Amino acid sequence: MSLPSAPMNPLNPKKLLLSKWTAVTPMARQKHFLVISVLEPELPGGKVEWIELQAVHSGASSRMAWRALKDSSHWLQGWR
């Protein structure tokens, strides 16, 4: 019988700014990332869909859907 895994804390897109993330599988030799921008929706009252991540080592940045950070098989919260 397997033990239930601990539930991940729910993510709030408005609290992601400057949060730290570790890629489970390094991307282009980058492992540690920082959310440098939470992109506001074009329409007032719309939901936040996108964030901008910056690799700590190289400074390269990319845009992605913030909900992708919920996938624990790809992302871990904090730097590890």
PDB file of N, CA and C in Angstrom:
ATOM      1  N   MET A   1       0.842  -1.172   0.000  1.00  0.00           N
ATOM      2  CA  MET A   1       0.000   0.000   0.000  1.00  0.00           C
ATOM      3  C   MET A   1       0.888   1.236   0.000  1.00  0.00           C
ATOM      4  N   SER A   2       0.624   2.171  -0.899  1.00  0.00           N
ATOM      5  CA  SER A   2       1.453   3.373  -0.978  1.00  0.00           C
ATOM      6  C   SER A   2       0.883   4.479  -0.107  1.00  0.00           C
ATOM      7  N   LEU A   3       1.782   5.293   0.394  1.00  0.00           N
ATOM      8  CA  LEU A   3       1.371   6.412   1.219  1.00  0.00           C
ATOM      9  C   LEU A   3       0.934   7.571   0.336  1.00  0.00           C
ATOM     10  N   PRO A   4      -0.082   8.316   0.754  1.00  0.00           N
ATOM     11  CA  PRO A   4      -0.493   9.460  -0.061  1.00  0.00           C
ATOM     12  C   PRO A   4       0.583  10.538  -0.017  1.00  0.00           C
ATOM     13  N   SER A   5       0.773  11.185  -1.148  1.00  0.00           N
ATOM     14  CA  SER A   5       1.775  12.242  -1.193  1.00  0.00           C
ATOM     15  C   SER A   5       1.206  13.510  -0.575  1.00  0.00           C
ATOM     16  N   ALA A   6       2.092  14.331  -0.053  1.00  0.00           N
ATOM     17  CA  ALA A   6       1.657  15.583   0.557  1.00  0.00           C
ATOM     18  C   ALA A   6       1.118  16.505  -0.526  1.00  0.00           C
ATOM     19  N   PRO A   7      -0.024  17.138  -0.278  1.00  0.00           N
ATOM     20  CA  PRO A   7      -0.565  18.035  -1.293  1.00  0.00           C
ATOM     21  C   PRO A   7       0.306  19.272  -1.438  1.00  0.00           C
ATOM     22  N   MET A   8       0.446  19.716  -2.675  1.00  0.00           N
ATOM     23  CA  MET A   8       1.234  20.908  -2.939  1.00  0.00           C
ATOM     24  C   MET A   8       0.406  22.135  -2.556  1.00  0.00           C
ATOM     25  N   ASN A   9       1.066  23.125  -1.985  1.00  0.00           N
ATOM     26  CA  ASN A   9       0.360  24.349  -1.659  1.00  0.00           C
ATOM     27  C   ASN A   9      -0.207  24.954  -2.926  1.00  0.00           C
ATOM     28  N   PRO A  10      -1.446  25.459  -2.871  1.00  0.00           N
ATOM     29  CA  PRO A  10      -2.002  26.070  -4.075  1.00  0.00           C
ATOM     30  C   PRO A  10      -1.214  27.318  -4.464  1.00  0.00           C
ATOM     31  N   LEU A  11      -1.025  27.493  -5.751  1.00  0.00           N
ATOM     32  CA  LEU A  11      -0.288  28.660  -6.244  1.00  0.00           C
ATOM     33  C   LEU A  11      -1.269  29.772  -6.563  1.00  0.00           C
ATOM     34  N   ASN A  12      -0.893  30.971  -6.191  1.00  0.00           N
ATOM     35  CA  ASN A  12      -1.668  32.148  -6.519  1.00  0.00           C
ATOM     36  C   ASN A  12      -0.823  32.959  -7.491  1.00  0.00           C
ATOM     37  N   PRO A  13      -1.304  33.207  -8.713  1.00  0.00           N
ATOM     38  CA  PRO A  13      -0.463  33.899  -9.696  1.00  0.00           C
ATOM     39  C   PRO A  13      -0.030  35.289  -9.241  1.00  0.00           C
ATOM     40  N   LYS A  14      -0.818  35.927  -8.401  1.00  0.00           N
ATOM     41  CA  LYS A  14      -0.461  37.274  -7.950  1.00  0.00           C
ATOM     42  C   LYS A  14       0.664  37.257  -6.918  1.00  0.00           C
ATOM     43  N   LYS A  15       0.983  36.088  -6.372  1.00  0.00           N
ATOM     44  CA  LYS A  15       2.059  35.971  -5.379  1.00  0.00           C
ATOM     45  C   LYS A  15       3.304  35.293  -5.945  1.00  0.00           C
ATOM     46  N   LEU A  16       3.349  35.084  -7.251  1.00  0.00           N
ATOM     47  CA  LEU A  16       4.485  34.403  -7.860  1.00  0.00           C
ATOM     48  C   LEU A  16       5.685  35.310  -8.104  1.00  0.00           C
ATOM     49  N   LEU A  17       5.477  36.613  -8.159  1.00  0.00           N
ATOM     50  CA  LEU A  17       6.564  37.530  -8.476  1.00  0.00           C
ATOM     51  C   LEU A  17       7.740  37.328  -7.529  1.00  0.00           C
ATOM     52  N   LEU A  18       8.922  37.149  -8.096  1.00  0.00           N
ATOM     53  CA  LEU A  18      10.195  36.928  -7.403  1.00  0.00           C
ATOM     54  C   LEU A  18      10.284  35.587  -6.688  1.00  0.00           C
ATOM     55  N   SER A  19       9.363  34.660  -7.002  1.00  0.00           N
ATOM     56  CA  SER A  19       9.474  33.325  -6.411  1.00  0.00           C
ATOM     57  C   SER A  19      10.559  32.536  -7.147  1.00  0.00           C
ATOM     58  N   LYS A  20      11.137  31.570  -6.447  1.00  0.00           N
ATOM     59  CA  LYS A  20      12.260  30.784  -6.967  1.00  0.00           C
ATOM     60  C   LYS A  20      11.779  29.381  -7.329  1.00  0.00           C
ATOM     61  N   TRP A  21      12.319  28.853  -8.452  1.00  0.00           N
ATOM     62  CA  TRP A  21      11.908  27.545  -8.949  1.00  0.00           C
ATOM     63  C   TRP A  21      13.115  26.760  -9.438  1.00  0.00           C
ATOM     64  N   THR A  22      13.035  25.441  -9.285  1.00  0.00           N
ATOM     65  CA  THR A  22      14.073  24.539  -9.773  1.00  0.00           C
ATOM     66  C   THR A  22      13.459  23.634 -10.825  1.00  0.00           C
ATOM     67  N   ALA A  23      14.099  23.546 -11.976  1.00  0.00           N
ATOM     68  CA  ALA A  23      13.660  22.624 -13.027  1.00  0.00           C
ATOM     69  C   ALA A  23      14.107  21.218 -12.641  1.00  0.00           C
ATOM     70  N   VAL A  24      13.187  20.273 -12.652  1.00  0.00           N
ATOM     71  CA  VAL A  24      13.528  18.882 -12.333  1.00  0.00           C
ATOM     72  C   VAL A  24      14.552  18.369 -13.338  1.00  0.00           C
ATOM     73  N   THR A  25      14.339  18.661 -14.613  1.00  0.00           N
ATOM     74  CA  THR A  25      15.284  18.335 -15.674  1.00  0.00           C
ATOM     75  C   THR A  25      15.856  19.652 -16.194  1.00  0.00           C
ATOM     76  N   PRO A  26      17.144  19.889 -16.020  1.00  0.00           N
ATOM     77  CA  PRO A  26      17.720  21.167 -16.470  1.00  0.00           C
ATOM     78  C   PRO A  26      17.429  21.446 -17.947  1.00  0.00           C
ATOM     79  N   MET A  27      17.150  22.712 -18.238  1.00  0.00           N
ATOM     80  CA  MET A  27      16.857  23.135 -19.605  1.00  0.00           C
ATOM     81  C   MET A  27      18.022  23.988 -20.086  1.00  0.00           C
ATOM     82  N   ALA A  28      18.674  23.543 -21.132  1.00  0.00           N
ATOM     83  CA  ALA A  28      19.849  24.242 -21.675  1.00  0.00           C
ATOM     84  C   ALA A  28      20.863  24.515 -20.564  1.00  0.00           C
ATOM     85  N   ARG A  29      21.091  23.504 -19.738  1.00  0.00           N
ATOM     86  CA  ARG A  29      22.039  23.554 -18.620  1.00  0.00           C
ATOM     87  C   ARG A  29      21.641  24.577 -17.554  1.00  0.00           C
ATOM     88  N   GLN A  30      20.383  24.977 -17.551  1.00  0.00           N
ATOM     89  CA  GLN A  30      19.864  25.902 -16.543  1.00  0.00           C
ATOM     90  C   GLN A  30      18.948  25.124 -15.613  1.00  0.00           C
ATOM     91  N   LYS A  31      19.104  25.340 -14.327  1.00  0.00           N
ATOM     92  CA  LYS A  31      18.305  24.602 -13.354  1.00  0.00           C
ATOM     93  C   LYS A  31      17.508  25.532 -12.444  1.00  0.00           C
ATOM     94  N   HIS A  32      18.057  26.672 -12.092  1.00  0.00           N
ATOM     95  CA  HIS A  32      17.411  27.594 -11.152  1.00  0.00           C
ATOM     96  C   HIS A  32      16.831  28.803 -11.870  1.00  0.00           C
ATOM     97  N   PHE A  33      15.586  29.111 -11.518  1.00  0.00           N
ATOM     98  CA  PHE A  33      14.857  30.179 -12.198  1.00  0.00           C
ATOM     99  C   PHE A  33      14.160  31.076 -11.187  1.00  0.00           C
ATOM    100  N   LEU A  34      13.889  32.300 -11.627  1.00  0.00           N
ATOM    101  CA  LEU A  34      13.217  33.303 -10.808  1.00  0.00           C
ATOM    102  C   LEU A  34      12.092  33.900 -11.644  1.00  0.00           C
ATOM    103  N   VAL A  35      10.904  34.044 -11.036  1.00  0.00           N
ATOM    104  CA  VAL A  35       9.794  34.705 -11.733  1.00  0.00           C
ATOM    105  C   VAL A  35      10.059  36.200 -11.663  1.00  0.00           C
ATOM    106  N   ILE A  36      10.338  36.814 -12.817  1.00  0.00           N
ATOM    107  CA  ILE A  36      10.683  38.235 -12.832  1.00  0.00           C
ATOM    108  C   ILE A  36       9.498  39.117 -13.221  1.00  0.00           C
ATOM    109  N   SER A  37       8.439  38.499 -13.744  1.00  0.00           N
ATOM    110  CA  SER A  37       7.285  39.294 -14.151  1.00  0.00           C
ATOM    111  C   SER A  37       6.036  38.424 -14.179  1.00  0.00           C
ATOM    112  N   VAL A  38       4.934  38.973 -13.682  1.00  0.00           N
ATOM    113  CA  VAL A  38       3.626  38.355 -13.815  1.00  0.00           C
ATOM    114  C   VAL A  38       2.891  39.237 -14.820  1.00  0.00           C
ATOM    115  N   LEU A  39       2.613  38.692 -15.991  1.00  0.00           N
ATOM    116  CA  LEU A  39       2.054  39.485 -17.084  1.00  0.00           C
ATOM    117  C   LEU A  39       0.544  39.646 -16.906  1.00  0.00           C
ATOM    118  N   GLU A  40       0.123  40.882 -16.753  1.00  0.00           N
ATOM    119  CA  GLU A  40      -1.283  41.189 -16.540  1.00  0.00           C
ATOM    120  C   GLU A  40      -2.074  40.973 -17.828  1.00  0.00           C
ATOM    121  N   PRO A  41      -3.338  40.554 -17.706  1.00  0.00           N
ATOM    122  CA  PRO A  41      -4.163  40.356 -18.902  1.00  0.00           C
ATOM    123  C   PRO A  41      -4.456  41.686 -19.591  1.00  0.00           C
ATOM    124  N   GLU A  42      -4.699  41.619 -20.894  1.00  0.00           N
ATOM    125  CA  GLU A  42      -4.992  42.834 -21.654  1.00  0.00           C
ATOM    126  C   GLU A  42      -6.340  43.430 -21.261  1.00  0.00           C
ATOM    127  N   LEU A  43      -7.317  42.559 -20.990  1.00  0.00           N
ATOM    128  CA  LEU A  43      -8.637  43.038 -20.614  1.00  0.00           C
ATOM    129  C   LEU A  43      -8.716  43.239 -19.105  1.00  0.00           C
ATOM    130  N   PRO A  44      -9.242  44.376 -18.653  1.00  0.00           N
ATOM    131  CA  PRO A  44      -9.394  44.594 -17.216  1.00  0.00           C
ATOM    132  C   PRO A  44     -10.288  43.511 -16.605  1.00  0.00           C
ATOM    133  N   GLY A  45      -9.885  43.019 -15.462  1.00  0.00           N
ATOM    134  CA  GLY A  45     -10.649  41.977 -14.785  1.00  0.00           C
ATOM    135  C   GLY A  45     -10.372  40.573 -15.294  1.00  0.00           C
ATOM    136  N   GLY A  46      -9.488  40.436 -16.283  1.00  0.00           N
ATOM    137  CA  GLY A  46      -9.141  39.115 -16.803  1.00  0.00           C
ATOM    138  C   GLY A  46      -8.206  38.387 -15.858  1.00  0.00           C
ATOM    139  N   LYS A  47      -8.047  37.099 -16.083  1.00  0.00           N
ATOM    140  CA  LYS A  47      -7.184  36.284 -15.227  1.00  0.00           C
ATOM    141  C   LYS A  47      -5.747  36.304 -15.734  1.00  0.00           C
ATOM    142  N   VAL A  48      -4.809  36.254 -14.797  1.00  0.00           N
ATOM    143  CA  VAL A  48      -3.391  36.170 -15.137  1.00  0.00           C
ATOM    144  C   VAL A  48      -3.134  34.790 -15.745  1.00  0.00           C
ATOM    145  N   GLU A  49      -2.512  34.761 -16.907  1.00  0.00           N
ATOM    146  CA  GLU A  49      -2.215  33.504 -17.587  1.00  0.00           C
ATOM    147  C   GLU A  49      -0.720  33.266 -17.743  1.00  0.00           C
ATOM    148  N   TRP A  50       0.089  34.329 -17.844  1.00  0.00           N
ATOM    149  CA  TRP A  50       1.495  34.200 -18.215  1.00  0.00           C
ATOM    150  C   TRP A  50       2.423  34.798 -17.172  1.00  0.00           C
ATOM    151  N   ILE A  51       3.617  34.211 -17.089  1.00  0.00           N
ATOM    152  CA  ILE A  51       4.692  34.750 -16.258  1.00  0.00           C
ATOM    153  C   ILE A  51       5.956  34.784 -17.110  1.00  0.00           C
ATOM    154  N   GLU A  52       6.943  35.507 -16.637  1.00  0.00           N
ATOM    155  CA  GLU A  52       8.250  35.501 -17.297  1.00  0.00           C
ATOM    156  C   GLU A  52       9.257  34.945 -16.299  1.00  0.00           C
ATOM    157  N   LEU A  53       9.944  33.879 -16.719  1.00  0.00           N
ATOM    158  CA  LEU A  53      10.961  33.227 -15.899  1.00  0.00           C
ATOM    159  C   LEU A  53      12.338  33.638 -16.394  1.00  0.00           C
ATOM    160  N   GLN A  54      13.250  33.842 -15.452  1.00  0.00           N
ATOM    161  CA  GLN A  54      14.629  34.171 -15.824  1.00  0.00           C
ATOM    162  C   GLN A  54      15.561  33.140 -15.208  1.00  0.00           C
ATOM    163  N   ALA A  55      16.454  32.601 -16.039  1.00  0.00           N
ATOM    164  CA  ALA A  55      17.468  31.667 -15.549  1.00  0.00           C
ATOM    165  C   ALA A  55      18.469  32.452 -14.710  1.00  0.00           C
ATOM    166  N   VAL A  56      18.780  31.959 -13.533  1.00  0.00           N
ATOM    167  CA  VAL A  56      19.661  32.674 -12.612  1.00  0.00           C
ATOM    168  C   VAL A  56      21.082  32.771 -13.166  1.00  0.00           C
ATOM    169  N   HIS A  57      21.588  31.698 -13.723  1.00  0.00           N
ATOM    170  CA  HIS A  57      22.983  31.669 -14.177  1.00  0.00           C
ATOM    171  C   HIS A  57      23.218  32.518 -15.427  1.00  0.00           C
ATOM    172  N   SER A  58      22.389  32.327 -16.450  1.00  0.00           N
ATOM    173  CA  SER A  58      22.633  33.010 -17.727  1.00  0.00           C
ATOM    174  C   SER A  58      21.865  34.317 -17.886  1.00  0.00           C
ATOM    175  N   GLY A  59      20.784  34.469 -17.144  1.00  0.00           N
ATOM    176  CA  GLY A  59      19.959  35.664 -17.292  1.00  0.00           C
ATOM    177  C   GLY A  59      18.973  35.578 -18.439  1.00  0.00           C
ATOM    178  N   ALA A  60      18.950  34.452 -19.146  1.00  0.00           N
ATOM    179  CA  ALA A  60      18.001  34.278 -20.250  1.00  0.00           C
ATOM    180  C   ALA A  60      16.587  34.194 -19.676  1.00  0.00           C
ATOM    181  N   SER A  61      15.643  34.818 -20.363  1.00  0.00           N
ATOM    182  CA  SER A  61      14.273  34.783 -19.868  1.00  0.00           C
ATOM    183  C   SER A  61      13.336  34.212 -20.919  1.00  0.00           C
ATOM    184  N   SER A  62      12.220  33.665 -20.438  1.00  0.00           N
ATOM    185  CA  SER A  62      11.215  33.108 -21.335  1.00  0.00           C
ATOM    186  C   SER A  62       9.846  33.258 -20.703  1.00  0.00           C
ATOM    187  N   ARG A  63       8.833  33.319 -21.556  1.00  0.00           N
ATOM    188  CA  ARG A  63       7.449  33.444 -21.102  1.00  0.00           C
ATOM    189  C   ARG A  63       6.823  32.056 -21.073  1.00  0.00           C
ATOM    190  N   MET A  64       5.993  31.809 -20.062  1.00  0.00           N
ATOM    191  CA  MET A  64       5.287  30.531 -19.978  1.00  0.00           C
ATOM    192  C   MET A  64       4.005  30.710 -19.185  1.00  0.00           C
ATOM    193  N   ALA A  65       3.098  29.768 -19.334  1.00  0.00           N
ATOM    194  CA  ALA A  65       1.857  29.783 -18.569  1.00  0.00           C
ATOM    195  C   ALA A  65       2.192  29.488 -17.110  1.00  0.00           C
ATOM    196  N   TRP A  66       1.674  30.276 -16.190  1.00  0.00           N
ATOM    197  CA  TRP A  66       2.026  30.093 -14.775  1.00  0.00           C
ATOM    198  C   TRP A  66       1.550  28.751 -14.239  1.00  0.00           C
ATOM    199  N   ARG A  67       0.498  28.204 -14.810  1.00  0.00           N
ATOM    200  CA  ARG A  67      -0.026  26.917 -14.327  1.00  0.00           C
ATOM    201  C   ARG A  67       0.948  25.759 -14.566  1.00  0.00           C
ATOM    202  N   ALA A  68       1.898  25.940 -15.479  1.00  0.00           N
ATOM    203  CA  ALA A  68       2.906  24.903 -15.724  1.00  0.00           C
ATOM    204  C   ALA A  68       3.745  24.653 -14.477  1.00  0.00           C
ATOM    205  N   LEU A  69       3.856  25.650 -13.600  1.00  0.00           N
ATOM    206  CA  LEU A  69       4.641  25.482 -12.375  1.00  0.00           C
ATOM    207  C   LEU A  69       3.990  24.507 -11.398  1.00  0.00           C
ATOM    208  N   LYS A  70       2.727  24.204 -11.601  1.00  0.00           N
ATOM    209  CA  LYS A  70       2.023  23.251 -10.726  1.00  0.00           C
ATOM    210  C   LYS A  70       2.452  21.812 -10.982  1.00  0.00           C
ATOM    211  N   ASP A  71       3.078  21.556 -12.121  1.00  0.00           N
ATOM    212  CA  ASP A  71       3.482  20.201 -12.504  1.00  0.00           C
ATOM    213  C   ASP A  71       4.777  19.830 -11.775  1.00  0.00           C
ATOM    214  N   SER A  72       4.646  19.061 -10.713  1.00  0.00           N
ATOM    215  CA  SER A  72       5.816  18.707  -9.898  1.00  0.00           C
ATOM    216  C   SER A  72       6.774  17.744 -10.596  1.00  0.00           C
ATOM    217  N   SER A  73       6.375  17.207 -11.742  1.00  0.00           N
ATOM    218  CA  SER A  73       7.312  16.365 -12.484  1.00  0.00           C
ATOM    219  C   SER A  73       8.284  17.230 -13.296  1.00  0.00           C
ATOM    220  N   HIS A  74       8.001  18.533 -13.417  1.00  0.00           N
ATOM    221  CA  HIS A  74       8.878  19.453 -14.147  1.00  0.00           C
ATOM    222  C   HIS A  74       9.458  20.551 -13.277  1.00  0.00           C
ATOM    223  N   TRP A  75       8.707  20.990 -12.249  1.00  0.00           N
ATOM    224  CA  TRP A  75       9.127  22.135 -11.435  1.00  0.00           C
ATOM    225  C   TRP A  75       9.007  21.850  -9.950  1.00  0.00           C
ATOM    226  N   LEU A  76       9.995  22.342  -9.190  1.00  0.00           N
ATOM    227  CA  LEU A  76       9.983  22.280  -7.732  1.00  0.00           C
ATOM    228  C   LEU A  76      10.085  23.712  -7.208  1.00  0.00           C
ATOM    229  N   GLN A  77       9.274  24.016  -6.208  1.00  0.00           N
ATOM    230  CA  GLN A  77       9.326  25.360  -5.657  1.00  0.00           C
ATOM    231  C   GLN A  77      10.578  25.529  -4.805  1.00  0.00           C
ATOM    232  N   GLY A  78      11.243  26.671  -4.952  1.00  0.00           N
ATOM    233  CA  GLY A  78      12.494  26.930  -4.242  1.00  0.00           C
ATOM    234  C   GLY A  78      13.673  26.439  -5.053  1.00  0.00           C
ATOM    235  N   TRP A  79      14.867  26.711  -4.549  1.00  0.00           N
ATOM    236  CA  TRP A  79      16.096  26.267  -5.215  1.00  0.00           C
ATOM    237  C   TRP A  79      16.630  25.050  -4.492  1.00  0.00           C
ATOM    238  N   ARG A  80      16.861  23.984  -5.229  1.00  0.00           N
ATOM    239  CA  ARG A  80      17.345  22.735  -4.637  1.00  0.00           C
ATOM    240  C   ARG A  80      18.545  22.228  -5.371  1.00  0.00           C
TER     241      ARG A  80
END
